[in-house]
Amino acid sequence: MISQKEALDLMKMVTQHITLSSDWTDGPPVALFRADGCWCVHYASGNWWHYSLKDKVWF
């Protein structure tokens, strides 16, 4: 389960990721899961991204 702090940090990173991508085509977030030690967000497009809260990067 995601902690409140992690949820807030993840929300900030997701918002930054979408905002900085001028050609965002993945749509809104639809699911959250863990993989490879990171939180991952699955988007309406079917794509998903890893978000490393420790390193403050997405990939």
PDB file of N, CA and C in Angstrom:
ATOM      1  N   MET A   1       0.844  -1.178   0.000  1.00  0.00           N
ATOM      2  CA  MET A   1       0.000   0.000   0.000  1.00  0.00           C
ATOM      3  C   MET A   1       0.890   1.243   0.000  1.00  0.00           C
ATOM      4  N   ILE A   2       0.480   2.245  -0.728  1.00  0.00           N
ATOM      5  CA  ILE A   2       1.261   3.476  -0.830  1.00  0.00           C
ATOM      6  C   ILE A   2       0.999   4.357   0.398  1.00  0.00           C
ATOM      7  N   SER A   3       2.071   4.930   0.925  1.00  0.00           N
ATOM      8  CA  SER A   3       1.929   5.826   2.076  1.00  0.00           C
ATOM      9  C   SER A   3       1.413   7.185   1.596  1.00  0.00           C
ATOM     10  N   GLN A   4       0.929   7.977   2.531  1.00  0.00           N
ATOM     11  CA  GLN A   4       0.421   9.301   2.182  1.00  0.00           C
ATOM     12  C   GLN A   4       1.529  10.165   1.579  1.00  0.00           C
ATOM     13  N   LYS A   5       2.733  10.111   2.148  1.00  0.00           N
ATOM     14  CA  LYS A   5       3.854  10.899   1.623  1.00  0.00           C
ATOM     15  C   LYS A   5       4.215  10.449   0.210  1.00  0.00           C
ATOM     16  N   GLU A   6       4.287   9.126   0.008  1.00  0.00           N
ATOM     17  CA  GLU A   6       4.599   8.615  -1.328  1.00  0.00           C
ATOM     18  C   GLU A   6       3.519   9.027  -2.329  1.00  0.00           C
ATOM     19  N   ALA A   7       2.270   8.975  -1.914  1.00  0.00           N
ATOM     20  CA  ALA A   7       1.169   9.354  -2.805  1.00  0.00           C
ATOM     21  C   ALA A   7       1.291  10.816  -3.223  1.00  0.00           C
ATOM     22  N   LEU A   8       1.608  11.680  -2.274  1.00  0.00           N
ATOM     23  CA  LEU A   8       1.768  13.105  -2.592  1.00  0.00           C
ATOM     24  C   LEU A   8       2.965  13.333  -3.508  1.00  0.00           C
ATOM     25  N   ASP A   9       4.082  12.673  -3.213  1.00  0.00           N
ATOM     26  CA  ASP A   9       5.276  12.802  -4.058  1.00  0.00           C
ATOM     27  C   ASP A   9       5.001  12.275  -5.463  1.00  0.00           C
ATOM     28  N   LEU A  10       4.300  11.154  -5.550  1.00  0.00           N
ATOM     29  CA  LEU A  10       3.980  10.575  -6.851  1.00  0.00           C
ATOM     30  C   LEU A  10       3.043  11.489  -7.636  1.00  0.00           C
ATOM     31  N   MET A  11       2.045  12.051  -6.973  1.00  0.00           N
ATOM     32  CA  MET A  11       1.130  12.975  -7.649  1.00  0.00           C
ATOM     33  C   MET A  11       1.886  14.169  -8.219  1.00  0.00           C
ATOM     34  N   LYS A  12       2.843  14.693  -7.471  1.00  0.00           N
ATOM     35  CA  LYS A  12       3.649  15.820  -7.952  1.00  0.00           C
ATOM     36  C   LYS A  12       4.454  15.425  -9.183  1.00  0.00           C
ATOM     37  N   MET A  13       5.067  14.232  -9.140  1.00  0.00           N
ATOM     38  CA  MET A  13       5.881  13.779 -10.277  1.00  0.00           C
ATOM     39  C   MET A  13       5.022  13.531 -11.510  1.00  0.00           C
ATOM     40  N   VAL A  14       3.869  12.902 -11.335  1.00  0.00           N
ATOM     41  CA  VAL A  14       2.980  12.629 -12.466  1.00  0.00           C
ATOM     42  C   VAL A  14       2.511  13.945 -13.083  1.00  0.00           C
ATOM     43  N   THR A  15       2.115  14.894 -12.246  1.00  0.00           N
ATOM     44  CA  THR A  15       1.678  16.203 -12.742  1.00  0.00           C
ATOM     45  C   THR A  15       2.802  16.894 -13.502  1.00  0.00           C
ATOM     46  N   GLN A  16       4.016  16.846 -12.965  1.00  0.00           N
ATOM     47  CA  GLN A  16       5.165  17.452 -13.633  1.00  0.00           C
ATOM     48  C   GLN A  16       5.431  16.760 -14.964  1.00  0.00           C
ATOM     49  N   HIS A  17       5.382  15.443 -14.984  1.00  0.00           N
ATOM     50  CA  HIS A  17       5.627  14.669 -16.198  1.00  0.00           C
ATOM     51  C   HIS A  17       4.634  15.068 -17.293  1.00  0.00           C
ATOM     52  N   ILE A  18       3.351  15.089 -16.952  1.00  0.00           N
ATOM     53  CA  ILE A  18       2.319  15.433 -17.937  1.00  0.00           C
ATOM     54  C   ILE A  18       2.463  16.886 -18.382  1.00  0.00           C
ATOM     55  N   THR A  19       2.715  17.791 -17.451  1.00  0.00           N
ATOM     56  CA  THR A  19       2.832  19.218 -17.757  1.00  0.00           C
ATOM     57  C   THR A  19       4.031  19.516 -18.653  1.00  0.00           C
ATOM     58  N   LEU A  20       5.153  18.848 -18.405  1.00  0.00           N
ATOM     59  CA  LEU A  20       6.362  19.098 -19.192  1.00  0.00           C
ATOM     60  C   LEU A  20       6.314  18.462 -20.578  1.00  0.00           C
ATOM     61  N   SER A  21       5.376  17.563 -20.799  1.00  0.00           N
ATOM     62  CA  SER A  21       5.249  16.891 -22.098  1.00  0.00           C
ATOM     63  C   SER A  21       4.214  17.637 -22.929  1.00  0.00           C
ATOM     64  N   SER A  22       4.680  18.517 -23.797  1.00  0.00           N
ATOM     65  CA  SER A  22       3.763  19.345 -24.582  1.00  0.00           C
ATOM     66  C   SER A  22       2.908  18.522 -25.539  1.00  0.00           C
ATOM     67  N   ASP A  23       3.353  17.316 -25.852  1.00  0.00           N
ATOM     68  CA  ASP A  23       2.590  16.466 -26.770  1.00  0.00           C
ATOM     69  C   ASP A  23       2.069  15.208 -26.067  1.00  0.00           C
ATOM     70  N   TRP A  24       1.609  15.346 -24.820  1.00  0.00           N
ATOM     71  CA  TRP A  24       1.144  14.213 -24.019  1.00  0.00           C
ATOM     72  C   TRP A  24      -0.030  13.527 -24.715  1.00  0.00           C
ATOM     73  N   THR A  25       0.102  12.236 -24.964  1.00  0.00           N
ATOM     74  CA  THR A  25      -0.949  11.481 -25.647  1.00  0.00           C
ATOM     75  C   THR A  25      -1.406  10.262 -24.850  1.00  0.00           C
ATOM     76  N   ASP A  26      -0.892  10.074 -23.645  1.00  0.00           N
ATOM     77  CA  ASP A  26      -1.220   8.881 -22.871  1.00  0.00           C
ATOM     78  C   ASP A  26      -2.531   8.980 -22.100  1.00  0.00           C
ATOM     79  N   GLY A  27      -3.126  10.160 -22.054  1.00  0.00           N
ATOM     80  CA  GLY A  27      -4.390  10.313 -21.346  1.00  0.00           C
ATOM     81  C   GLY A  27      -4.199  10.327 -19.841  1.00  0.00           C
ATOM     82  N   PRO A  28      -5.300  10.206 -19.114  1.00  0.00           N
ATOM     83  CA  PRO A  28      -5.228  10.272 -17.655  1.00  0.00           C
ATOM     84  C   PRO A  28      -4.757   8.954 -17.035  1.00  0.00           C
ATOM     85  N   PRO A  29      -4.272   9.015 -15.803  1.00  0.00           N
ATOM     86  CA  PRO A  29      -3.911   7.795 -15.078  1.00  0.00           C
ATOM     87  C   PRO A  29      -5.156   6.943 -14.820  1.00  0.00           C
ATOM     88  N   VAL A  30      -4.983   5.611 -14.916  1.00  0.00           N
ATOM     89  CA  VAL A  30      -6.110   4.710 -14.643  1.00  0.00           C
ATOM     90  C   VAL A  30      -5.784   3.658 -13.586  1.00  0.00           C
ATOM     91  N   ALA A  31      -4.500   3.424 -13.317  1.00  0.00           N
ATOM     92  CA  ALA A  31      -4.132   2.406 -12.330  1.00  0.00           C
ATOM     93  C   ALA A  31      -2.737   2.681 -11.789  1.00  0.00           C
ATOM     94  N   LEU A  32      -2.486   2.151 -10.605  1.00  0.00           N
ATOM     95  CA  LEU A  32      -1.202   2.301  -9.927  1.00  0.00           C
ATOM     96  C   LEU A  32      -0.730   0.922  -9.495  1.00  0.00           C
ATOM     97  N   PHE A  33       0.550   0.626  -9.723  1.00  0.00           N
ATOM     98  CA  PHE A  33       1.100  -0.662  -9.298  1.00  0.00           C
ATOM     99  C   PHE A  33       2.594  -0.520  -9.064  1.00  0.00           C
ATOM    100  N   ARG A  34       3.217  -1.557  -8.496  1.00  0.00           N
ATOM    101  CA  ARG A  34       4.663  -1.560  -8.253  1.00  0.00           C
ATOM    102  C   ARG A  34       5.332  -2.515  -9.223  1.00  0.00           C
ATOM    103  N   ALA A  35       6.486  -2.105  -9.733  1.00  0.00           N
ATOM    104  CA  ALA A  35       7.310  -2.969 -10.583  1.00  0.00           C
ATOM    105  C   ALA A  35       8.742  -2.471 -10.515  1.00  0.00           C
ATOM    106  N   ASP A  36       9.679  -3.395 -10.477  1.00  0.00           N
ATOM    107  CA  ASP A  36      11.106  -3.055 -10.492  1.00  0.00           C
ATOM    108  C   ASP A  36      11.493  -2.083  -9.383  1.00  0.00           C
ATOM    109  N   GLY A  37      10.820  -2.146  -8.243  1.00  0.00           N
ATOM    110  CA  GLY A  37      11.141  -1.287  -7.109  1.00  0.00           C
ATOM    111  C   GLY A  37      10.608   0.127  -7.205  1.00  0.00           C
ATOM    112  N   CYS A  38       9.774   0.396  -8.202  1.00  0.00           N
ATOM    113  CA  CYS A  38       9.218   1.740  -8.404  1.00  0.00           C
ATOM    114  C   CYS A  38       7.697   1.682  -8.413  1.00  0.00           C
ATOM    115  N   TRP A  39       7.083   2.823  -8.157  1.00  0.00           N
ATOM    116  CA  TRP A  39       5.659   2.939  -8.407  1.00  0.00           C
ATOM    117  C   TRP A  39       5.488   3.154  -9.904  1.00  0.00           C
ATOM    118  N   CYS A  40       4.472   2.544 -10.466  1.00  0.00           N
ATOM    119  CA  CYS A  40       4.186   2.677 -11.893  1.00  0.00           C
ATOM    120  C   CYS A  40       2.759   3.166 -12.060  1.00  0.00           C
ATOM    121  N   VAL A  41       2.559   3.987 -13.084  1.00  0.00           N
ATOM    122  CA  VAL A  41       1.232   4.498 -13.395  1.00  0.00           C
ATOM    123  C   VAL A  41       0.852   4.004 -14.782  1.00  0.00           C
ATOM    124  N   HIS A  42      -0.311   3.374 -14.855  1.00  0.00           N
ATOM    125  CA  HIS A  42      -0.872   2.896 -16.115  1.00  0.00           C
ATOM    126  C   HIS A  42      -1.836   3.975 -16.597  1.00  0.00           C
ATOM    127  N   TYR A  43      -1.694   4.366 -17.845  1.00  0.00           N
ATOM    128  CA  TYR A  43      -2.507   5.445 -18.402  1.00  0.00           C
ATOM    129  C   TYR A  43      -3.574   4.909 -19.349  1.00  0.00           C
ATOM    130  N   ALA A  44      -4.554   5.744 -19.681  1.00  0.00           N
ATOM    131  CA  ALA A  44      -5.683   5.354 -20.530  1.00  0.00           C
ATOM    132  C   ALA A  44      -5.239   4.832 -21.893  1.00  0.00           C
ATOM    133  N   SER A  45      -4.091   5.265 -22.377  1.00  0.00           N
ATOM    134  CA  SER A  45      -3.579   4.834 -23.682  1.00  0.00           C
ATOM    135  C   SER A  45      -3.136   3.374 -23.683  1.00  0.00           C
ATOM    136  N   GLY A  46      -2.954   2.811 -22.490  1.00  0.00           N
ATOM    137  CA  GLY A  46      -2.401   1.465 -22.369  1.00  0.00           C
ATOM    138  C   GLY A  46      -0.926   1.487 -22.007  1.00  0.00           C
ATOM    139  N   ASN A  47      -0.279   2.634 -22.163  1.00  0.00           N
ATOM    140  CA  ASN A  47       1.128   2.784 -21.772  1.00  0.00           C
ATOM    141  C   ASN A  47       1.222   2.949 -20.263  1.00  0.00           C
ATOM    142  N   TRP A  48       2.391   2.621 -19.729  1.00  0.00           N
ATOM    143  CA  TRP A  48       2.648   2.860 -18.319  1.00  0.00           C
ATOM    144  C   TRP A  48       4.080   3.317 -18.139  1.00  0.00           C
ATOM    145  N   TRP A  49       4.286   4.089 -17.080  1.00  0.00           N
ATOM    146  CA  TRP A  49       5.580   4.678 -16.765  1.00  0.00           C
ATOM    147  C   TRP A  49       5.982   4.309 -15.351  1.00  0.00           C
ATOM    148  N   HIS A  50       7.306   4.077 -15.162  1.00  0.00           N
ATOM    149  CA  HIS A  50       7.888   3.904 -13.833  1.00  0.00           C
ATOM    150  C   HIS A  50       8.187   5.297 -13.274  1.00  0.00           C
ATOM    151  N   TYR A  51       7.973   5.480 -11.975  1.00  0.00           N
ATOM    152  CA  TYR A  51       8.320   6.726 -11.290  1.00  0.00           C
ATOM    153  C   TYR A  51       9.178   6.374 -10.082  1.00  0.00           C
ATOM    154  N   SER A  52      10.443   6.786 -10.116  1.00  0.00           N
ATOM    155  CA  SER A  52      11.345   6.553  -8.992  1.00  0.00           C
ATOM    156  C   SER A  52      11.256   7.749  -8.049  1.00  0.00           C
ATOM    157  N   LEU A  53      10.618   7.546  -6.910  1.00  0.00           N
ATOM    158  CA  LEU A  53      10.489   8.628  -5.937  1.00  0.00           C
ATOM    159  C   LEU A  53      11.836   8.961  -5.314  1.00  0.00           C
ATOM    160  N   LYS A  54      12.701   7.971  -5.208  1.00  0.00           N
ATOM    161  CA  LYS A  54      14.030   8.176  -4.628  1.00  0.00           C
ATOM    162  C   LYS A  54      14.886   9.066  -5.525  1.00  0.00           C
ATOM    163  N   ASP A  55      14.921   8.751  -6.824  1.00  0.00           N
ATOM    164  CA  ASP A  55      15.777   9.483  -7.761  1.00  0.00           C
ATOM    165  C   ASP A  55      15.062  10.629  -8.467  1.00  0.00           C
ATOM    166  N   LYS A  56      13.759  10.747  -8.244  1.00  0.00           N
ATOM    167  CA  LYS A  56      12.945  11.811  -8.855  1.00  0.00           C
ATOM    168  C   LYS A  56      13.017  11.779 -10.382  1.00  0.00           C
ATOM    169  N   VAL A  57      12.887  10.574 -10.943  1.00  0.00           N
ATOM    170  CA  VAL A  57      12.893  10.416 -12.405  1.00  0.00           C
ATOM    171  C   VAL A  57      11.750   9.489 -12.815  1.00  0.00           C
ATOM    172  N   TRP A  58      11.363   9.587 -14.066  1.00  0.00           N
ATOM    173  CA  TRP A  58      10.398   8.653 -14.636  1.00  0.00           C
ATOM    174  C   TRP A  58      11.018   8.044 -15.878  1.00  0.00           C
ATOM    175  N   PHE A  59      10.611   6.824 -16.160  1.00  0.00           N
ATOM    176  CA  PHE A  59      11.136   6.127 -17.340  1.00  0.00           C
ATOM    177  C   PHE A  59      10.148   5.078 -17.796  1.00  0.00           C
TER     178      PHE A  59
END
